[in-house]
């Protein structure tokens, strides 16, 4: 069964850190670019970061640059999002998603509609 399972969310204080994980199963993980997406209740989905299949290329949305780091361990079929200096604006449900087109040479902001497998999401709450 092809699936993605996120974990690692929780309540953190302003300025704190969290590391999210996304475990993949049912497909050859290393052959796909992967993306983190977040959603605030009542608002649309926001692209956060993409990493290519080998992990050499990454891309971030402006508000998280310098604070978030995406990485992956293909041997463990797992992608991570290390989040530091968290702000209330970072509070959201975070999803990981698979890019249906497979791998990319250079990570960039991929269209959310081009992701075919999504996890169930993990909630991140930041207290001010």
Protein backbone atom coordinates (compact mmCIF):
# COMPACT_ATOMS: atom_id res chain seq x y z
CA UNK A 1 0.00 0.00 0.00
CA UNK A 2 1.38 3.36 -1.03
CA UNK A 3 1.23 5.73 1.89
CA UNK A 4 2.91 8.55 3.76
CA UNK A 5 2.75 8.96 7.52
CA UNK A 6 3.79 12.17 9.25
CA UNK A 7 4.75 12.53 12.89
CA UNK A 8 6.56 14.90 15.20
CA UNK A 9 4.07 17.70 15.51
CA UNK A 10 3.05 19.19 18.82
CA UNK A 11 2.93 22.28 20.99
CA UNK A 12 6.06 24.39 21.13
CA UNK A 13 6.85 27.81 22.53
CA UNK A 14 7.68 30.82 20.40
CA UNK A 15 11.27 30.45 19.28
CA UNK A 16 11.33 26.73 19.86
CA UNK A 17 12.13 23.83 17.55
CA UNK A 18 10.45 20.73 16.22
CA UNK A 19 11.42 18.02 13.79
CA UNK A 20 8.74 16.49 11.61
CA UNK A 21 9.12 13.10 9.98
CA UNK A 22 7.40 11.57 6.98
CA UNK A 23 7.73 7.83 6.52
CA UNK A 24 6.97 6.44 3.08
CA UNK A 25 5.95 2.92 2.14
CA UNK A 26 4.76 1.04 -0.91
CA UNK A 27 6.97 2.76 -3.50
CA UNK A 28 10.62 3.42 -4.30
CA UNK A 29 11.10 6.50 -2.17
CA UNK A 30 14.39 7.65 -3.67
CA UNK A 31 12.85 8.01 -7.13
CA UNK A 32 10.52 10.81 -6.08
CA UNK A 33 10.84 14.42 -5.15
CA UNK A 34 8.97 15.10 -1.95
CA UNK A 35 7.26 18.19 -0.60
CA UNK A 36 6.14 19.64 2.71
CA UNK A 37 2.88 21.58 2.65
CA UNK A 38 1.05 23.32 5.48
CA UNK A 39 -2.47 24.49 6.05
CA UNK A 40 -3.93 26.86 8.58
CA UNK A 41 -7.57 26.08 9.42
CA UNK A 42 -9.84 28.05 7.13
CA UNK A 43 -7.04 28.87 4.71
CA UNK A 44 -5.58 27.21 1.66
CA UNK A 45 -2.65 24.91 1.34
CA UNK A 46 0.76 26.56 1.39
CA UNK A 47 3.84 25.02 -0.20
CA UNK A 48 6.69 24.96 2.32
CA UNK A 49 9.61 23.01 0.86
CA UNK A 50 10.63 20.46 -1.76
CA UNK A 51 13.59 18.11 -1.84
CA UNK A 52 14.73 16.07 -4.82
CA UNK A 53 15.09 12.31 -4.78
CA UNK A 54 18.75 12.22 -3.88
CA UNK A 55 18.46 14.98 -1.33
CA UNK A 56 21.03 17.22 -3.00
CA UNK A 57 18.62 19.94 -4.02
CA UNK A 58 16.14 21.74 -1.79
CA UNK A 59 13.85 24.73 -2.06
CA UNK A 60 11.89 26.74 0.52
CA UNK A 61 9.16 29.29 0.67
CA UNK A 62 10.43 32.71 1.69
CA UNK A 63 9.02 32.93 5.23
CA UNK A 64 10.80 29.76 6.35
CA UNK A 65 14.18 30.23 4.66
CA UNK A 66 16.99 30.08 7.16
CA UNK A 67 14.74 28.55 9.82
CA UNK A 68 13.53 25.28 8.28
CA UNK A 69 15.68 22.51 6.83
CA UNK A 70 14.33 19.66 4.75
CA UNK A 71 16.31 16.44 4.46
CA UNK A 72 15.76 12.79 3.68
CA UNK A 73 17.21 9.39 4.50
CA UNK A 74 16.42 7.16 1.57
CA UNK A 75 17.67 4.09 3.41
CA UNK A 76 14.93 4.70 5.96
CA UNK A 77 12.33 5.91 3.44
CA UNK A 78 11.95 9.01 5.55
CA UNK A 79 11.87 12.74 4.93
CA UNK A 80 12.37 15.29 7.68
CA UNK A 81 11.57 18.92 8.30
CA UNK A 82 13.70 20.52 11.01
CA UNK A 83 11.98 23.69 12.16
CA UNK A 84 13.73 26.29 14.31
CA UNK A 85 12.85 29.73 15.63
CA UNK A 86 9.19 28.87 15.34
CA UNK A 87 6.65 31.68 15.22
CA UNK A 88 2.88 31.71 15.70
CA UNK A 89 2.56 32.11 11.91
CA UNK A 90 4.12 28.66 11.53
CA UNK A 91 1.23 27.01 13.35
CA UNK A 92 -0.59 24.74 10.92
CA UNK A 93 -1.21 21.17 9.92
CA UNK A 94 1.85 19.98 8.07
CA UNK A 95 1.54 17.45 5.28
CA UNK A 96 4.11 15.59 3.26
CA UNK A 97 3.34 14.76 -0.33
CA UNK A 98 4.85 12.84 -3.23
CA UNK A 99 5.49 14.58 -6.53
CA UNK A 100 3.75 12.44 -9.15
CA UNK A 101 6.32 13.28 -11.80
CA UNK A 102 9.05 11.35 -10.01
CA UNK A 103 12.37 12.98 -9.36
CA UNK A 104 13.60 16.44 -10.30
CA UNK A 105 17.14 17.63 -10.87
CA UNK A 106 16.59 20.93 -9.15
CA UNK A 107 14.04 21.36 -6.39
CA UNK A 108 11.61 24.23 -6.78
CA UNK A 109 8.08 25.21 -5.85
CA UNK A 110 6.18 22.35 -7.45
CA UNK A 111 2.46 22.73 -8.08
CA UNK A 112 0.47 21.20 -5.26
CA UNK A 113 -1.90 19.63 -7.79
CA UNK A 114 1.05 17.64 -9.12
CA UNK A 115 1.37 15.65 -5.90
CA UNK A 116 -0.51 12.37 -5.90
CA UNK A 117 0.10 10.85 -2.46
CA UNK A 118 -0.46 12.81 0.75
CA UNK A 119 -0.07 11.98 4.40
CA UNK A 120 -2.71 12.54 7.03
CA UNK A 121 -0.94 15.58 8.46
CA UNK A 122 0.60 16.48 11.80
CA UNK A 123 -0.44 19.51 13.84
CA UNK A 124 2.10 22.13 14.86
CA UNK A 125 1.00 24.66 17.47
CA UNK A 126 3.19 27.58 18.53
CA UNK A 127 2.41 29.42 21.72
CA UNK A 128 3.29 33.10 21.88
